[in-house]
C-alpha atoms as a PDB file:
ATOM      1  CA  MET A   1      -1.163 -12.092 -39.850  1.00  0.00           C
ATOM      2  CA  PRO A   2      -1.272 -12.164 -36.055  1.00  0.00           C
ATOM      3  CA  VAL A   3      -0.067 -15.417 -34.510  1.00  0.00           C
ATOM      4  CA  THR A   4      -0.938 -16.299 -30.938  1.00  0.00           C
ATOM      5  CA  VAL A   5      -0.119 -19.245 -28.720  1.00  0.00           C
ATOM      6  CA  LYS A   6      -2.649 -20.741 -26.384  1.00  0.00           C
ATOM      7  CA  ARG A   7      -2.928 -23.741 -24.128  1.00  0.00           C
ATOM      8  CA  VAL A   8      -5.253 -26.243 -25.785  1.00  0.00           C
ATOM      9  CA  TYR A   9      -7.178 -26.703 -22.520  1.00  0.00           C
ATOM     10  CA  GLU A  10      -8.337 -23.070 -22.587  1.00  0.00           C
ATOM     11  CA  PRO A  11     -11.799 -22.615 -24.129  1.00  0.00           C
ATOM     12  CA  PRO A  12     -11.810 -21.705 -27.829  1.00  0.00           C
ATOM     13  CA  SER A  13     -12.901 -18.229 -28.838  1.00  0.00           C
ATOM     14  CA  ARG A  14     -13.845 -16.569 -32.116  1.00  0.00           C
ATOM     15  CA  ALA A  15     -10.717 -14.422 -31.867  1.00  0.00           C
ATOM     16  CA  ASP A  16      -8.546 -17.563 -32.194  1.00  0.00           C
ATOM     17  CA  GLY A  17      -9.009 -17.788 -35.940  1.00  0.00           C
ATOM     18  CA  GLU A  18      -7.451 -20.978 -37.328  1.00  0.00           C
ATOM     19  CA  ARG A  19      -6.595 -23.319 -34.421  1.00  0.00           C
ATOM     20  CA  VAL A  20      -3.585 -25.610 -34.968  1.00  0.00           C
ATOM     21  CA  LEU A  21      -2.340 -28.163 -32.434  1.00  0.00           C
ATOM     22  CA  VAL A  22       1.461 -28.508 -32.641  1.00  0.00           C
ATOM     23  CA  ASP A  23       1.985 -31.363 -30.144  1.00  0.00           C
ATOM     24  CA  ARG A  24       2.785 -34.971 -31.038  1.00  0.00           C
ATOM     25  CA  LEU A  25       0.528 -36.483 -28.372  1.00  0.00           C
ATOM     26  CA  TRP A  26      -3.184 -35.832 -28.024  1.00  0.00           C
ATOM     27  CA  PRO A  27      -3.891 -33.718 -24.910  1.00  0.00           C
ATOM     28  CA  ARG A  28      -4.911 -35.917 -22.007  1.00  0.00           C
ATOM     29  CA  GLY A  29      -8.599 -35.817 -21.092  1.00  0.00           C
ATOM     30  CA  LEU A  30      -9.621 -33.542 -23.967  1.00  0.00           C
ATOM     31  CA  THR A  31     -12.263 -34.474 -26.522  1.00  0.00           C
ATOM     32  CA  LYS A  32     -11.992 -33.466 -30.164  1.00  0.00           C
ATOM     33  CA  GLU A  33     -15.103 -31.329 -29.784  1.00  0.00           C
ATOM     34  CA  ARG A  34     -13.674 -29.383 -26.828  1.00  0.00           C
ATOM     35  CA  ALA A  35     -10.346 -28.907 -28.597  1.00  0.00           C
ATOM     36  CA  ALA A  36     -12.108 -27.376 -31.631  1.00  0.00           C
ATOM     37  CA  LEU A  37      -9.079 -27.885 -33.893  1.00  0.00           C
ATOM     38  CA  ASP A  38      -8.770 -26.914 -37.520  1.00  0.00           C
ATOM     39  CA  GLU A  39      -5.444 -28.755 -37.984  1.00  0.00           C
ATOM     40  CA  TRP A  40      -3.152 -31.076 -36.041  1.00  0.00           C
ATOM     41  CA  LEU A  41       0.460 -30.824 -37.232  1.00  0.00           C
ATOM     42  CA  ARG A  42       2.167 -33.573 -35.196  1.00  0.00           C
ATOM     43  CA  GLU A  43       5.299 -33.419 -37.313  1.00  0.00           C
ATOM     44  CA  LEU A  44       6.081 -29.963 -35.899  1.00  0.00           C
ATOM     45  CA  SER A  45       6.426 -31.205 -32.349  1.00  0.00           C
ATOM     46  CA  PRO A  46       9.810 -31.928 -30.784  1.00  0.00           C
ATOM     47  CA  SER A  47      10.985 -35.532 -30.866  1.00  0.00           C
ATOM     48  CA  ASP A  48      10.104 -37.660 -27.848  1.00  0.00           C
ATOM     49  CA  GLU A  49      13.788 -37.656 -26.902  1.00  0.00           C
ATOM     50  CA  LEU A  50      14.025 -33.850 -26.952  1.00  0.00           C
ATOM     51  CA  ARG A  51      10.671 -33.437 -25.217  1.00  0.00           C
ATOM     52  CA  ARG A  52      11.768 -35.722 -22.354  1.00  0.00           C
ATOM     53  CA  TRP A  53      15.173 -34.046 -22.165  1.00  0.00           C
ATOM     54  CA  TYR A  54      13.580 -30.608 -21.787  1.00  0.00           C
ATOM     55  CA  HIS A  55      10.980 -31.851 -19.308  1.00  0.00           C
ATOM     56  CA  ALA A  56      13.846 -32.963 -17.042  1.00  0.00           C
ATOM     57  CA  ARG A  57      15.719 -29.647 -17.575  1.00  0.00           C
ATOM     58  CA  PRO A  58      13.148 -26.827 -17.774  1.00  0.00           C
ATOM     59  CA  ASN A  59      15.827 -24.215 -17.083  1.00  0.00           C
ATOM     60  CA  GLN A  60      17.614 -25.104 -20.367  1.00  0.00           C
ATOM     61  CA  TRP A  61      15.252 -23.132 -22.618  1.00  0.00           C
ATOM     62  CA  GLN A  62      17.925 -21.723 -24.963  1.00  0.00           C
ATOM     63  CA  ILE A  63      19.452 -25.146 -25.564  1.00  0.00           C
ATOM     64  CA  PHE A  64      16.020 -26.692 -26.121  1.00  0.00           C
ATOM     65  CA  ARG A  65      15.128 -23.989 -28.640  1.00  0.00           C
ATOM     66  CA  ARG A  66      18.375 -24.483 -30.556  1.00  0.00           C
ATOM     67  CA  LYS A  67      17.930 -28.291 -30.652  1.00  0.00           C
ATOM     68  CA  TYR A  68      14.286 -27.936 -31.663  1.00  0.00           C
ATOM     69  CA  LEU A  69      15.162 -25.614 -34.550  1.00  0.00           C
ATOM     70  CA  LYS A  70      17.671 -28.231 -35.751  1.00  0.00           C
ATOM     71  CA  GLU A  71      14.912 -30.846 -35.663  1.00  0.00           C
ATOM     72  CA  LEU A  72      12.672 -28.567 -37.723  1.00  0.00           C
ATOM     73  CA  ALA A  73      15.349 -28.596 -40.434  1.00  0.00           C
ATOM     74  CA  HIS A  74      14.892 -32.380 -40.900  1.00  0.00           C
ATOM     75  CA  PRO A  75      12.970 -33.498 -43.989  1.00  0.00           C
ATOM     76  CA  GLU A  76      10.213 -35.050 -41.820  1.00  0.00           C
ATOM     77  CA  ALA A  77       9.145 -31.585 -40.679  1.00  0.00           C
ATOM     78  CA  GLU A  78       9.392 -29.886 -44.081  1.00  0.00           C
ATOM     79  CA  GLY A  79       5.843 -30.619 -45.264  1.00  0.00           C
ATOM     80  CA  ALA A  80       4.290 -29.631 -41.940  1.00  0.00           C
ATOM     81  CA  LEU A  81       6.313 -26.398 -41.823  1.00  0.00           C
ATOM     82  CA  ARG A  82       5.206 -25.596 -45.359  1.00  0.00           C
ATOM     83  CA  ARG A  83       1.594 -26.221 -44.314  1.00  0.00           C
ATOM     84  CA  LEU A  84       2.012 -23.961 -41.273  1.00  0.00           C
ATOM     85  CA  TYR A  85       3.449 -21.112 -43.375  1.00  0.00           C
ATOM     86  CA  LEU A  86       0.585 -21.551 -45.841  1.00  0.00           C
ATOM     87  CA  LEU A  87      -2.015 -21.377 -43.053  1.00  0.00           C
ATOM     88  CA  ALA A  88      -0.355 -18.287 -41.605  1.00  0.00           C
ATOM     89  CA  HIS A  89      -0.287 -16.628 -45.014  1.00  0.00           C
ATOM     90  CA  LYS A  90      -3.932 -17.415 -45.839  1.00  0.00           C
ATOM     91  CA  ARG A  91      -5.563 -16.563 -42.519  1.00  0.00           C
ATOM     92  CA  LYS A  92      -6.113 -13.298 -40.718  1.00  0.00           C
ATOM     93  CA  ARG A  93      -5.401 -14.941 -37.361  1.00  0.00           C
ATOM     94  CA  LEU A  94      -3.647 -18.156 -36.396  1.00  0.00           C
ATOM     95  CA  THR A  95      -3.530 -19.737 -32.940  1.00  0.00           C
ATOM     96  CA  LEU A  96      -0.892 -22.367 -32.171  1.00  0.00           C
ATOM     97  CA  LEU A  97      -2.121 -24.757 -29.499  1.00  0.00           C
ATOM     98  CA  PHE A  98       0.040 -26.655 -26.999  1.00  0.00           C
ATOM     99  CA  ALA A  99      -0.624 -28.816 -23.934  1.00  0.00           C
ATOM    100  CA  SER A 100       2.388 -27.899 -21.792  1.00  0.00           C
ATOM    101  CA  LYS A 101       1.772 -26.172 -18.477  1.00  0.00           C
ATOM    102  CA  ASN A 102       4.655 -23.828 -19.294  1.00  0.00           C
ATOM    103  CA  GLY A 103       3.029 -21.117 -21.382  1.00  0.00           C
ATOM    104  CA  THR A 104       6.176 -19.098 -22.077  1.00  0.00           C
ATOM    105  CA  HIS A 105       8.701 -21.811 -22.955  1.00  0.00           C
ATOM    106  CA  ASN A 106       7.333 -24.455 -25.333  1.00  0.00           C
ATOM    107  CA  ASN A 107       7.552 -25.475 -28.978  1.00  0.00           C
ATOM    108  CA  ALA A 108       4.542 -23.331 -29.971  1.00  0.00           C
ATOM    109  CA  VAL A 109       6.464 -20.224 -28.873  1.00  0.00           C
ATOM    110  CA  VAL A 110       9.389 -21.191 -31.131  1.00  0.00           C
ATOM    111  CA  LEU A 111       7.017 -21.731 -34.067  1.00  0.00           C
ATOM    112  CA  LYS A 112       5.374 -18.361 -33.405  1.00  0.00           C
ATOM    113  CA  GLU A 113       8.813 -16.709 -33.514  1.00  0.00           C
ATOM    114  CA  LEU A 114       9.514 -18.421 -36.847  1.00  0.00           C
ATOM    115  CA  LEU A 115       6.230 -17.247 -38.342  1.00  0.00           C
ATOM    116  CA  GLU A 116       6.751 -13.694 -37.153  1.00  0.00           C
ATOM    117  CA  GLY A 117      10.305 -13.632 -38.479  1.00  0.00           C
ATOM    118  CA  SER A 118      11.929 -12.928 -35.126  1.00  0.00           C
ATOM    119  CA  ARG A 119      13.849 -16.224 -35.362  1.00  0.00           C
ATOM    120  CA  LYS A 120      15.781 -17.448 -38.354  1.00  0.00           C
ATOM    121  CA  PRO A 121      14.049 -20.486 -39.871  1.00  0.00           C
ATOM    122  CA  PRO A 122      15.956 -23.732 -40.269  1.00  0.00           C
ATOM    123  CA  THR A 123      17.936 -23.928 -43.495  1.00  0.00           C
ATOM    124  CA  GLY A 124      15.764 -24.695 -46.500  1.00  0.00           C
ATOM    125  CA  THR A 125      12.510 -23.801 -44.765  1.00  0.00           C
ATOM    126  CA  GLY A 126      10.597 -20.619 -44.147  1.00  0.00           C
ATOM    127  CA  PRO A 127       8.569 -18.292 -46.326  1.00  0.00           C
ATOM    128  CA  GLY A 128      11.427 -17.770 -48.811  1.00  0.00           C
ATOM    129  CA  ALA A 129      11.821 -21.487 -49.438  1.00  0.00           C
ATOM    130  CA  PHE A 130       8.045 -21.830 -49.633  1.00  0.00           C
ATOM    131  CA  ARG A 131       7.925 -19.112 -52.316  1.00  0.00           C
ATOM    132  CA  VAL A 132      10.691 -20.794 -54.325  1.00  0.00           C
ATOM    133  CA  MET A 133       8.886 -24.142 -54.148  1.00  0.00           C
ATOM    134  CA  ARG A 134       5.569 -22.563 -55.188  1.00  0.00           C
ATOM    135  CA  ASN A 135       7.239 -20.802 -58.152  1.00  0.00           C
ATOM    136  CA  ARG A 136       8.862 -24.070 -59.258  1.00  0.00           C
ATOM    137  CA  GLN A 137       5.515 -25.850 -59.124  1.00  0.00           C
ATOM    138  CA  ALA A 138       3.863 -23.082 -61.172  1.00  0.00           C
ATOM    139  CA  ALA A 139       6.635 -23.275 -63.782  1.00  0.00           C
ATOM    140  CA  MET A 140       6.225 -27.057 -64.004  1.00  0.00           C
ATOM    141  CA  ARG A 141       2.465 -26.656 -64.597  1.00  0.00           C
ATOM    142  CA  ARG A 142       3.088 -24.185 -67.432  1.00  0.00           C
ATOM    143  CA  ARG A 143       5.309 -26.642 -69.339  1.00  0.00           C
END
């Protein structure tokens, strides 16, 4: 399952596969038709506080990434993370969309690393936790 990141303002292409916006705010000046989204997972975006903090300190990428991963461990993000893992598992290609002008250091890059397994997921999340939850639900249905 290839995962790519792309600025939401770039034109959509067939190679994008499933297109998922991972920002809390709607991209300025963009219509829903031009965005061509399949999903909008707002809950996966950094908090406003963290987003503003990083905007004022763009050279603090490592600290931002660490703080963002901690936020992803909060219960509010659990359902959206589960949905993202499910989309990545079901689709041949997944494109994470972001609005930031910084294409190399943004929350979509961190999510891509999580999906590809190059970063450790927050505790209690990730494909392993998703599998456990799915198995529990199947066992409950059988009872």
